Protein backbone atom coordinates (compact mmCIF):
# COMPACT_ATOMS: atom_id res chain seq x y z
CA MET A 1 118.62 113.33 95.78
CA GLY A 2 121.04 111.25 97.85
CA ILE A 3 123.52 108.44 95.91
CA VAL A 4 122.13 105.74 97.47
CA GLU A 5 118.47 106.89 95.96
CA THR A 6 120.15 106.88 93.25
CA LEU A 7 120.82 103.47 93.18
CA ILE A 8 117.95 102.34 94.41
CA LYS A 9 115.91 103.86 91.44
CA LYS A 10 118.15 102.43 88.72
CA ILE A 11 117.69 98.64 90.39
CA LEU A 12 113.51 99.34 90.76
CA GLU A 13 111.43 99.43 87.53
CA LYS A 14 110.29 102.32 86.16
CA GLY A 15 106.34 102.34 86.13
CA ARG A 16 103.33 105.49 85.98
CA ILE A 17 100.34 105.66 87.99
CA VAL A 18 97.39 105.29 85.43
CA GLU A 19 94.71 105.65 87.76
CA LYS A 20 93.60 106.09 91.45
CA LEU A 21 89.87 105.10 92.89
CA LYS A 22 88.97 105.29 96.17
CA LEU A 23 87.32 101.50 96.54
CA SER A 24 86.21 102.44 100.30
CA GLU A 25 87.07 104.70 103.06
CA SER A 26 90.11 103.11 104.14
CA VAL A 27 91.28 101.26 100.88
CA TYR A 28 92.77 102.52 97.62
CA LYS A 29 92.85 100.61 93.97
CA ILE A 30 96.09 101.79 92.42
CA ARG A 31 96.70 100.74 88.53
CA ILE A 32 100.71 101.12 87.61
CA THR A 33 101.95 100.63 84.40
CA SER A 34 105.07 99.41 82.90
CA LYS A 35 106.64 98.16 79.82
CA HIS A 36 108.23 95.60 81.88
CA ILE A 37 104.54 94.18 83.15
CA LYS A 38 103.76 92.21 79.86
CA ASP A 39 107.03 90.02 80.05
CA VAL A 40 106.64 89.31 83.55
CA ASP A 41 106.37 85.66 84.57
CA PHE A 42 103.81 86.20 86.76
CA THR A 43 102.21 83.80 89.34
CA PRO A 44 99.09 84.75 91.56
CA GLY A 45 100.49 85.51 95.04
CA TYR A 46 103.47 88.13 93.65
CA PHE A 47 103.89 91.09 95.29
CA ILE A 48 106.13 94.11 94.48
CA ARG A 49 108.46 95.95 96.75
CA LEU A 50 107.18 99.40 95.95
CA GLY A 51 108.80 103.05 96.51
CA VAL A 52 106.60 105.15 98.20
CA GLY A 53 109.03 107.61 100.06
CA ILE A 54 111.75 108.70 96.85
CA GLY A 55 113.05 112.08 97.14
CA GLN A 56 111.63 112.41 100.80
CA GLU A 57 114.58 113.34 102.44
CA GLU A 58 113.14 113.37 106.22
CA ILE A 59 111.48 109.77 105.77
CA ALA A 60 114.21 107.07 106.74
CA LEU A 61 115.77 104.91 104.31
CA LYS A 62 114.34 101.61 105.47
CA ASP A 63 111.03 103.36 105.33
CA LYS A 64 110.67 104.36 101.83
CA VAL A 65 110.02 100.97 99.91
CA ARG A 66 106.87 98.95 100.30
CA SER A 67 105.15 95.70 99.92
CA TYR A 68 102.03 95.14 98.21
CA SER A 69 100.25 92.11 96.13
CA VAL A 70 99.45 92.44 93.27
CA TRP A 71 95.56 92.40 93.28
CA ALA A 72 95.40 91.91 89.01
CA ILE A 73 97.64 92.10 85.97
CA ASP A 74 96.47 92.85 82.52
CA ARG A 75 99.44 91.97 80.32
CA GLU A 76 98.05 93.32 77.48
CA ASN A 77 97.54 96.33 78.42
CA GLU A 78 100.84 96.30 80.55
CA THR A 79 99.19 97.52 83.67
CA ILE A 80 99.12 95.50 87.30
CA ASP A 81 96.44 97.01 90.22
CA LEU A 82 97.32 97.21 93.98
CA ALA A 83 94.48 97.76 96.90
CA ILE A 84 96.34 99.30 99.88
CA ALA A 85 94.91 99.82 102.82
CA THR A 86 95.25 102.86 104.57
CA HIS A 87 94.90 101.83 108.61
CA SER A 88 97.90 101.98 109.32
CA ARG A 89 98.82 105.57 108.62
CA GLY A 90 102.37 104.90 108.47
CA ILE A 91 104.53 106.26 105.01
CA GLY A 92 102.49 103.94 102.42
CA ALA A 93 99.12 104.64 103.74
CA VAL A 94 100.28 108.67 102.74
CA TRP A 95 101.17 107.67 99.78
CA ALA A 96 98.19 105.92 99.14
CA GLU A 97 96.50 108.82 99.99
CA THR A 98 98.41 111.87 98.29
CA CYS A 99 100.26 110.08 94.84
CA GLN A 100 97.98 111.11 92.08
CA THR A 101 97.80 109.57 88.14
CA ASP A 102 100.32 110.24 86.40
CA THR A 103 103.55 110.05 88.87
CA GLU A 104 106.15 108.02 87.63
CA VAL A 105 106.73 105.11 90.49
CA HIS A 106 109.65 103.03 90.77
CA PHE A 107 109.23 99.15 91.87
CA LYS A 108 110.38 95.32 91.97
CA TRP A 109 108.73 92.01 91.69
CA LYS A 110 108.91 89.92 94.92
CA LYS A 111 107.77 86.30 94.92
CA GLY A 112 107.93 85.28 98.08
CA ASN A 113 106.13 81.82 99.14
CA PHE A 114 102.39 82.92 100.07
CA LEU A 115 101.26 81.46 95.96
CA LEU A 116 98.63 79.91 94.82
CA ASP A 117 98.71 76.25 95.06
CA ASP A 118 95.74 74.22 93.33
CA SER A 119 96.61 70.70 94.94
CA ALA A 120 93.88 70.60 97.34
CA ASP A 121 91.05 69.51 96.75
CA SER A 122 89.19 72.50 99.32
CA TYR A 123 90.29 75.14 101.11
CA LEU A 124 89.94 77.46 103.75
CA MET A 125 90.61 81.44 103.15
CA ILE A 126 91.29 83.50 106.45
CA GLY A 127 92.04 87.41 106.55
CA ASP A 128 91.47 90.81 107.52
CA LEU A 129 90.97 94.34 104.90
CA SER A 130 94.54 94.37 104.40
CA ALA A 131 95.06 90.41 103.05
CA LEU A 132 91.78 90.83 100.99
CA SER A 133 93.59 91.85 97.76
CA HIS A 134 96.01 88.59 97.94
CA LEU A 135 92.95 86.42 98.85
CA TYR A 136 91.05 87.64 96.07
CA VAL A 137 93.46 86.78 93.19
CA ILE A 138 94.13 83.39 95.03
CA LYS A 139 90.88 82.14 95.22
CA ARG A 140 90.05 83.67 91.40
CA HIS A 141 93.20 81.69 89.85
CA LEU A 142 92.16 78.39 91.70
CA PRO A 143 90.14 75.87 89.23
CA GLU A 144 86.28 76.47 89.47
CA GLU A 145 85.72 72.76 90.84
CA LYS A 146 87.58 73.76 94.28
CA GLN A 147 85.72 74.36 96.77
CA VAL A 148 86.55 77.49 98.85
CA GLU A 149 85.60 78.25 102.56
CA SER A 150 86.10 81.41 104.27
CA ILE A 151 86.17 83.96 107.10
CA ILE A 152 87.47 87.53 106.06
CA TYR A 153 87.28 90.44 108.83
CA ASN A 154 87.16 93.91 109.76
CA HIS A 155 85.95 96.44 112.42
CA ASP A 156 83.37 97.33 109.57
CA LEU A 157 81.82 96.11 107.22
CA SER A 158 81.79 99.03 105.16
CA GLU A 159 85.35 99.09 104.32
CA MET A 160 85.44 95.76 102.87
CA PHE A 161 85.89 95.80 98.56
CA PRO A 162 84.56 93.58 96.02
CA ASP A 163 87.28 91.66 93.81
CA ILE A 164 88.53 93.01 90.46
CA ASP A 165 85.71 91.51 88.92
CA GLY A 166 82.90 92.71 91.19
CA SER A 167 82.14 89.38 92.34
CA THR A 168 82.15 89.23 96.79
CA PRO A 169 83.30 85.05 96.85
CA PHE A 170 84.06 85.68 100.02
CA ARG A 171 81.66 85.77 103.73
CA PHE A 172 82.65 88.80 105.56
CA PHE A 173 82.71 88.97 109.70
CA GLU A 174 82.89 92.20 111.76
CA MET A 175 85.32 91.17 114.06
CA PRO A 176 88.55 93.31 116.49
CA GLU A 177 91.72 92.91 115.35
CA ASN A 178 93.47 89.68 117.14
CA PRO A 179 89.81 87.61 116.98
CA ALA A 180 91.48 84.42 117.75
CA GLU A 181 88.28 83.33 119.36
CA GLU A 182 86.02 84.13 117.25
CA VAL A 183 87.50 83.13 113.81
CA LEU A 184 88.19 79.91 115.84
CA THR A 185 84.31 79.77 116.41
CA GLU A 186 83.57 80.30 112.81
CA LEU A 187 86.29 77.88 111.25
CA ARG A 188 85.16 74.98 113.54
CA PRO A 189 82.17 74.25 111.30
CA LEU A 190 83.84 75.09 107.74
CA LEU A 191 86.32 72.34 108.08
CA LYS A 192 83.57 69.76 109.11
CA LYS A 193 82.57 70.76 105.65
CA MET A 194 85.63 70.41 103.80
CA GLN A 195 86.33 67.39 101.58
CA GLY A 196 89.80 65.72 100.32
CA ARG A 197 92.84 66.97 100.50
CA LYS A 198 93.15 70.17 102.27
CA MET A 199 94.30 73.64 102.38
CA VAL A 200 94.33 76.85 104.36
CA TYR A 201 95.52 80.34 104.00
CA ILE A 202 95.83 82.39 106.47
CA ALA A 203 97.01 85.86 106.03
CA GLY A 204 97.05 89.52 107.79
CA ASP A 205 97.50 90.76 111.41
CA SER A 206 100.84 88.65 112.42
CA ARG A 207 99.48 87.38 116.12
CA LEU A 208 96.17 86.07 113.83
CA CYS A 209 98.80 84.17 111.78
CA VAL A 210 100.73 82.56 114.47
CA ALA A 211 97.92 81.15 116.98
CA LEU A 212 96.14 79.68 113.91
CA ASN A 213 99.43 78.61 112.74
CA LYS A 214 99.29 76.70 115.99
CA TYR A 215 96.30 75.39 115.87
CA PHE A 216 96.29 73.57 112.60
CA ARG A 217 99.74 72.02 113.71
CA LYS A 218 99.38 71.06 117.05
CA GLU A 219 95.60 70.81 116.91
CA LEU A 220 94.42 69.25 113.79
CA ASN A 221 98.28 67.72 112.92
CA TRP A 222 98.00 69.42 109.39
CA ASP A 223 101.25 69.22 107.53
CA THR A 224 102.65 72.23 106.85
CA LYS A 225 102.20 72.07 103.20
CA GLN A 226 99.10 72.45 104.16
CA ILE A 227 99.52 75.41 106.14
CA LYS A 228 100.37 78.96 104.19
CA THR A 229 100.69 82.28 106.71
CA LYS A 230 101.37 85.51 105.41
CA PRO A 231 101.70 88.40 108.45
CA PHE A 232 101.04 91.72 106.66
CA TRP A 233 101.23 93.82 109.27
CA ASN A 234 102.09 93.57 113.48
CA PRO A 235 100.84 96.25 115.64
CA ASP A 236 104.46 96.74 117.56
CA LYS A 237 106.60 96.83 114.61
CA LYS A 238 107.05 99.35 111.74
CA GLY A 239 106.98 98.19 107.99
CA LEU A 240 106.52 94.60 108.24
CA GLU A 241 105.12 93.10 104.80
């Protein structure tokens, strides 16, 4: 292991995989335990930067760390859960498919801006399979009185999975990649149902994030504070969070 990798391991927190479960044909649940989880100041919407290529010399340094949404946290038992989709077939997907329980891992907390915001009255959640666990944790921590509408899509509905508590609070749609027109068709009647101050969370395919962000700002004249976007992946780039 090189000097740079040794430094990376010193900077990152140390953990261990205690559970691995296949949720669907292309999604794995990974549970990690670490003594640092007990005291973390956690806000729903946090990510972790996870070392997925440490020790593999053939992997470029820039590809050794990937960001994943924290699907659930259990401070008492010092665990966090991740739901990792493997569609990309990249280094993170390979790691999710091949990692084993009782393996040591290294990670660092990443706050970002795609976090829980309970200041609105009604919410619209839009995203693909890659964003499902992140939208689940946001929805789960909203007060019960909040109105939540949703458009969660994938090319194969059998790859969808329920939330960590077994619930399925979102509407699932079978759609192709970058389904801007299909999503617009579905969201227009939903917008008419939304009451009070509105907010939208858009995540997943970067192309859809850009298109819908423009639609809400330019066509609907929503304030930027009402629009939360997070591109989890881009077909033309490698390693986008």
